[in-house]
Protein backbone atom coordinates (compact mmCIF):
# COMPACT_ATOMS: atom_id res chain seq x y z
CA MET A 1 43.02 5.59 -51.98
CA ALA A 2 39.51 4.93 -50.66
CA ALA A 3 36.91 7.57 -51.35
CA ARG A 4 35.36 9.25 -48.37
CA THR A 5 31.69 8.54 -47.84
CA SER A 6 29.52 11.04 -46.02
CA GLN A 7 27.17 9.29 -43.64
CA PRO A 8 23.96 11.01 -42.51
CA GLU A 9 23.83 12.11 -38.90
CA LYS A 10 22.36 9.36 -36.74
CA ARG A 11 19.20 10.42 -35.00
CA PRO A 12 18.68 9.47 -31.36
CA GLY A 13 16.45 6.46 -30.77
CA PHE A 14 13.09 6.48 -29.02
CA LEU A 15 14.45 5.61 -25.57
CA ALA A 16 17.26 8.17 -25.90
CA THR A 17 14.70 10.83 -26.84
CA ILE A 18 12.51 9.96 -23.84
CA LYS A 19 15.55 10.04 -21.53
CA SER A 20 16.62 13.45 -22.86
CA LEU A 21 13.07 14.80 -22.51
CA PHE A 22 12.83 13.47 -18.96
CA SER A 23 16.18 14.97 -17.92
CA PHE A 24 15.23 18.33 -19.45
CA THR A 25 11.87 18.36 -17.64
CA ARG A 26 13.29 17.24 -14.30
CA GLU A 27 15.48 20.35 -14.15
CA GLU A 28 12.33 22.46 -13.73
CA PHE A 29 9.93 19.94 -12.20
CA ALA A 30 11.85 17.61 -9.88
CA TRP A 31 8.63 15.96 -8.68
CA VAL A 32 8.14 14.34 -12.09
CA THR A 33 10.64 11.66 -10.95
CA TRP A 34 8.10 10.05 -8.62
CA VAL A 35 4.87 11.13 -10.31
CA LEU A 36 5.51 9.19 -13.55
CA PRO A 37 5.92 5.79 -11.77
CA LEU A 38 2.75 6.49 -9.79
CA ILE A 39 0.85 7.09 -13.05
CA VAL A 40 2.03 3.73 -14.41
CA LEU A 41 1.06 2.01 -11.15
CA GLY A 42 -2.32 3.70 -11.34
CA GLY A 43 -2.80 2.32 -14.86
CA ILE A 44 -1.93 -1.17 -13.62
CA GLY A 45 -4.44 -0.77 -10.79
CA ILE A 46 -7.15 0.18 -13.29
CA GLY A 47 -6.35 -2.90 -15.38
CA VAL A 48 -6.49 -5.21 -12.35
CA ALA A 49 -9.77 -3.65 -11.16
CA ILE A 50 -11.38 -4.23 -14.56
CA ALA A 51 -10.17 -7.83 -14.57
CA VAL A 52 -11.64 -8.42 -11.08
CA PHE A 53 -15.03 -6.84 -11.77
CA THR A 54 -15.43 -8.64 -15.11
CA GLY A 55 -14.43 -12.05 -13.67
CA GLN A 56 -11.51 -12.68 -16.03
CA PRO A 57 -9.55 -15.96 -16.06
CA TRP A 58 -5.88 -15.93 -15.13
CA TRP A 59 -4.75 -15.07 -18.66
CA GLY A 60 -7.28 -12.22 -18.68
CA TYR A 61 -5.51 -10.68 -15.70
CA ILE A 62 -2.25 -10.70 -17.69
CA LEU A 63 -3.90 -8.94 -20.61
CA TRP A 64 -5.55 -6.31 -18.42
CA VAL A 65 -2.32 -5.67 -16.52
CA PHE A 66 -0.56 -5.16 -19.85
CA PHE A 67 -3.39 -2.81 -20.85
CA GLY A 68 -2.92 -0.90 -17.59
CA ILE A 69 0.81 -0.55 -18.19
CA MET A 70 0.19 0.85 -21.66
CA LEU A 71 -2.51 3.18 -20.33
CA GLY A 72 -0.19 4.48 -17.63
CA PHE A 73 2.62 4.92 -20.14
CA ILE A 74 0.40 6.94 -22.49
CA PHE A 75 -0.83 9.26 -19.74
CA GLY A 76 2.72 9.57 -18.42
CA MET A 77 3.99 10.63 -21.85
CA LEU A 78 1.18 13.18 -22.18
CA LEU A 79 2.11 14.67 -18.82
CA LEU A 80 5.82 14.63 -19.64
CA ASN A 81 5.23 16.36 -22.96
CA ARG A 82 3.14 19.10 -21.36
CA LEU A 83 5.66 19.64 -18.56
CA ALA A 84 8.53 19.72 -21.07
CA THR A 85 6.74 22.48 -22.98
CA LYS A 86 6.28 24.48 -19.77
CA ALA A 87 9.93 23.90 -18.85
CA MET A 88 11.01 25.13 -22.27
CA TYR A 89 8.99 28.33 -21.88
CA ARG A 90 10.50 28.91 -18.44
CA LYS A 91 14.01 28.58 -19.82
CA ILE A 92 13.53 30.92 -22.79
CA ASP A 93 11.51 33.52 -20.86
CA GLY A 94 13.60 36.69 -20.78
CA MET A 95 16.32 35.26 -23.04
CA PRO A 96 17.20 36.98 -26.34
CA GLY A 97 15.79 34.89 -29.17
CA GLY A 98 13.02 33.32 -27.09
CA ALA A 99 10.33 34.95 -29.19
CA GLY A 100 12.10 33.78 -32.33
CA HIS A 101 11.96 30.19 -31.13
CA VAL A 102 8.19 30.47 -30.70
CA ILE A 103 7.72 32.20 -34.06
CA GLY A 104 9.79 29.62 -35.90
CA ASN A 105 8.58 26.43 -34.22
CA MET A 106 5.31 26.78 -32.31
CA LEU A 107 2.75 28.36 -34.68
CA GLY A 108 1.66 25.35 -36.72
CA ARG A 109 0.77 25.12 -40.40
CA LYS A 110 -1.48 28.16 -40.61
CA TRP A 111 1.43 30.50 -39.92
CA ARG A 112 4.86 30.99 -41.39
CA GLY A 113 7.65 32.54 -39.37
CA GLU A 114 11.42 32.43 -38.92
CA ASP A 115 13.50 32.33 -35.75
CA MET A 116 15.71 35.08 -37.18
CA PRO A 117 14.62 38.70 -36.54
CA VAL A 118 13.65 41.01 -39.39
CA GLN A 119 14.92 44.02 -37.41
CA VAL A 120 17.60 43.98 -34.72
CA ASN A 121 19.71 46.38 -32.69
CA PRO A 122 23.14 44.70 -32.37
CA LYS A 123 24.12 46.77 -29.33
CA THR A 124 21.03 46.20 -27.19
CA GLN A 125 19.83 42.92 -28.77
CA ASP A 126 16.35 44.38 -29.14
CA ALA A 127 14.70 42.55 -32.03
CA VAL A 128 11.53 42.39 -34.08
CA TYR A 129 10.23 39.11 -35.49
CA ARG A 130 7.61 38.61 -38.15
CA ALA A 131 5.05 35.90 -38.85
CA VAL A 132 2.66 35.65 -41.79
CA GLY A 133 -0.50 33.60 -41.75
CA ARG A 134 -4.24 33.36 -42.20
CA GLY A 135 -4.63 36.12 -39.63
CA GLY A 136 -2.45 38.58 -41.54
CA VAL A 137 0.97 39.86 -40.52
CA VAL A 138 2.23 39.70 -36.95
CA LEU A 139 5.20 41.61 -35.59
CA VAL A 140 6.72 40.60 -32.26
CA GLY A 141 8.99 42.96 -30.37
CA GLU A 142 11.51 41.50 -27.93
CA GLY A 143 13.45 43.81 -25.64
CA SER A 144 12.89 47.25 -24.16
CA ARG A 145 9.55 48.57 -25.34
CA GLY A 146 10.84 52.13 -25.51
CA ARG A 147 13.80 51.20 -27.69
CA LEU A 148 11.64 48.92 -29.84
CA GLU A 149 9.29 51.68 -31.02
CA LYS A 150 11.59 52.79 -33.84
CA LEU A 151 12.26 49.23 -35.04
CA VAL A 152 8.58 48.27 -34.86
CA LYS A 153 7.51 51.41 -36.71
CA LYS A 154 10.02 50.73 -39.48
CA GLU A 155 8.89 47.13 -39.88
CA THR A 156 5.21 48.07 -39.68
CA THR A 157 5.72 50.44 -42.59
CA ALA A 158 7.43 47.68 -44.56
CA ALA A 159 4.63 45.21 -43.74
CA LYS A 160 1.93 47.64 -44.88
CA ARG A 161 3.86 48.18 -48.08
CA ILE A 162 3.85 44.42 -48.66
CA THR A 163 0.13 44.02 -47.95
CA HIS A 164 -0.93 47.32 -49.58
CA GLY A 165 -2.96 47.98 -46.44
CA ALA A 166 -5.41 45.16 -47.25
CA VAL A 167 -4.25 42.84 -44.43
CA PRO A 168 -4.08 43.78 -40.74
CA VAL A 169 -0.68 44.11 -39.08
CA GLU A 170 -0.76 43.07 -35.41
CA VAL A 171 2.02 43.94 -32.97
CA PHE A 172 2.91 42.02 -29.82
CA TYR A 173 5.51 42.97 -27.22
CA ILE A 174 7.14 40.23 -25.18
CA GLY A 175 7.17 40.86 -21.43
CA HIS A 176 5.18 40.75 -18.23
CA GLY A 177 4.08 44.36 -17.99
CA GLU A 178 0.78 45.96 -18.84
CA GLY A 179 -0.10 45.35 -22.47
CA ASP A 180 2.74 42.85 -22.89
CA THR A 181 2.45 39.20 -23.90
CA PRO A 182 4.45 36.57 -21.98
CA VAL A 183 6.49 34.35 -24.27
CA ALA A 184 4.54 31.32 -23.00
CA GLU A 185 1.29 32.89 -24.26
CA LEU A 186 2.61 34.21 -27.57
CA ALA A 187 1.75 31.24 -29.79
CA LYS A 188 -1.75 30.99 -28.32
CA ALA A 189 -2.36 34.72 -28.80
CA ILE A 190 -1.28 34.60 -32.44
CA LYS A 191 -3.37 31.53 -33.23
CA LYS A 192 -6.46 33.26 -31.78
CA LEU A 193 -6.31 36.03 -34.37
CA PRO A 194 -9.30 35.89 -36.76
CA LYS A 195 -8.68 34.57 -40.26
CA VAL A 196 -8.67 37.33 -42.86
CA ILE A 197 -7.16 35.58 -45.92
CA ASP A 198 -7.46 32.14 -47.49
CA LYS A 199 -4.65 29.68 -48.23
CA ALA A 200 -3.96 31.14 -51.67
CA GLY A 201 -3.75 34.64 -50.23
CA MET A 202 -1.42 33.40 -47.53
CA GLN A 203 0.95 31.90 -50.10
CA GLN A 204 1.00 35.16 -52.05
CA LEU A 205 1.73 37.07 -48.86
CA ILE A 206 4.56 34.69 -47.99
CA ALA A 207 6.06 35.11 -51.47
CA ARG A 208 6.01 38.90 -51.08
CA THR A 209 7.65 38.81 -47.66
CA ASP A 210 10.32 36.37 -48.87
CA SER A 211 11.26 38.74 -51.68
CA ILE A 212 11.51 41.62 -49.21
CA ASN A 213 13.62 39.49 -46.83
CA GLN A 214 16.15 38.66 -49.54
CA ASN A 215 16.73 42.33 -50.20
CA ALA A 216 16.78 43.30 -46.53
CA MET A 217 19.16 40.60 -45.26
CA SER A 218 22.05 41.95 -47.31
CA SER A 219 21.86 45.28 -45.47
CA MET A 220 20.92 43.94 -42.04
CA PRO A 221 23.63 44.51 -39.39
CA ILE A 222 25.15 41.44 -37.78
CA PRO A 223 26.20 41.55 -34.10
CA LYS A 224 29.95 41.51 -33.61
CA GLY A 225 31.53 38.17 -32.83
CA ILE A 226 28.87 36.12 -34.64
CA ASP A 227 29.60 34.26 -37.86
CA PRO A 228 26.19 33.49 -39.42
CA MET A 229 27.72 30.66 -41.46
CA LYS A 230 28.82 28.83 -38.30
CA VAL A 231 25.80 29.26 -36.06
CA ARG A 232 24.24 25.93 -35.11
CA ALA A 233 21.50 25.00 -32.70
CA PRO A 234 22.82 23.31 -29.53
CA LYS A 235 22.42 19.57 -29.46
CA PRO A 236 20.66 17.98 -26.46
CA ARG A 237 23.04 16.40 -24.03
């Protein structure tokens, strides 16, 4: 009987990734369908213009046209990437877990955060997320601000216990009201916080929060109908 061999999951190729990114972006920005070809044509026009003004031979025109195609492709990819980011923020704005996606994926190397909340109300889906970085400790409340006060206060107390009051604890509330931070501006707002600890201090702070998380997760309520061992991120179609 032949032994079963586990093969690693095949990652999508470059063209498949570009196609998926384009389809995702087109759902929010339909005009990208005709703008991207125009950018490539504009790059070709720049290449031809350079060839004409510099008096290139026939083979020089071919090289400059190829340069124009590559130039248009690069600028097209930059535009597509920026539009895809905006489309992503539009889709997660107002959705439960949107702040967690930003905390876990959009803060860069100078911050450490998880897409799972540190405090959550299973009935209302109000949640508090935490990030630790060079700027201290950041708590992000997602949901009704009135209902979040108790959760935020509890987590603020825990954060101050971790830092012994030596590191600032900043609180952001996701929303579009007065004093709120839109989810699209959350990563930028966190990255703008002044640095208060060095890399070594950040690692120590992360180690402390990880130890607290291990103790807290065992007592954290899980919303009904969700099996945490079976939750998977949706794959792009």
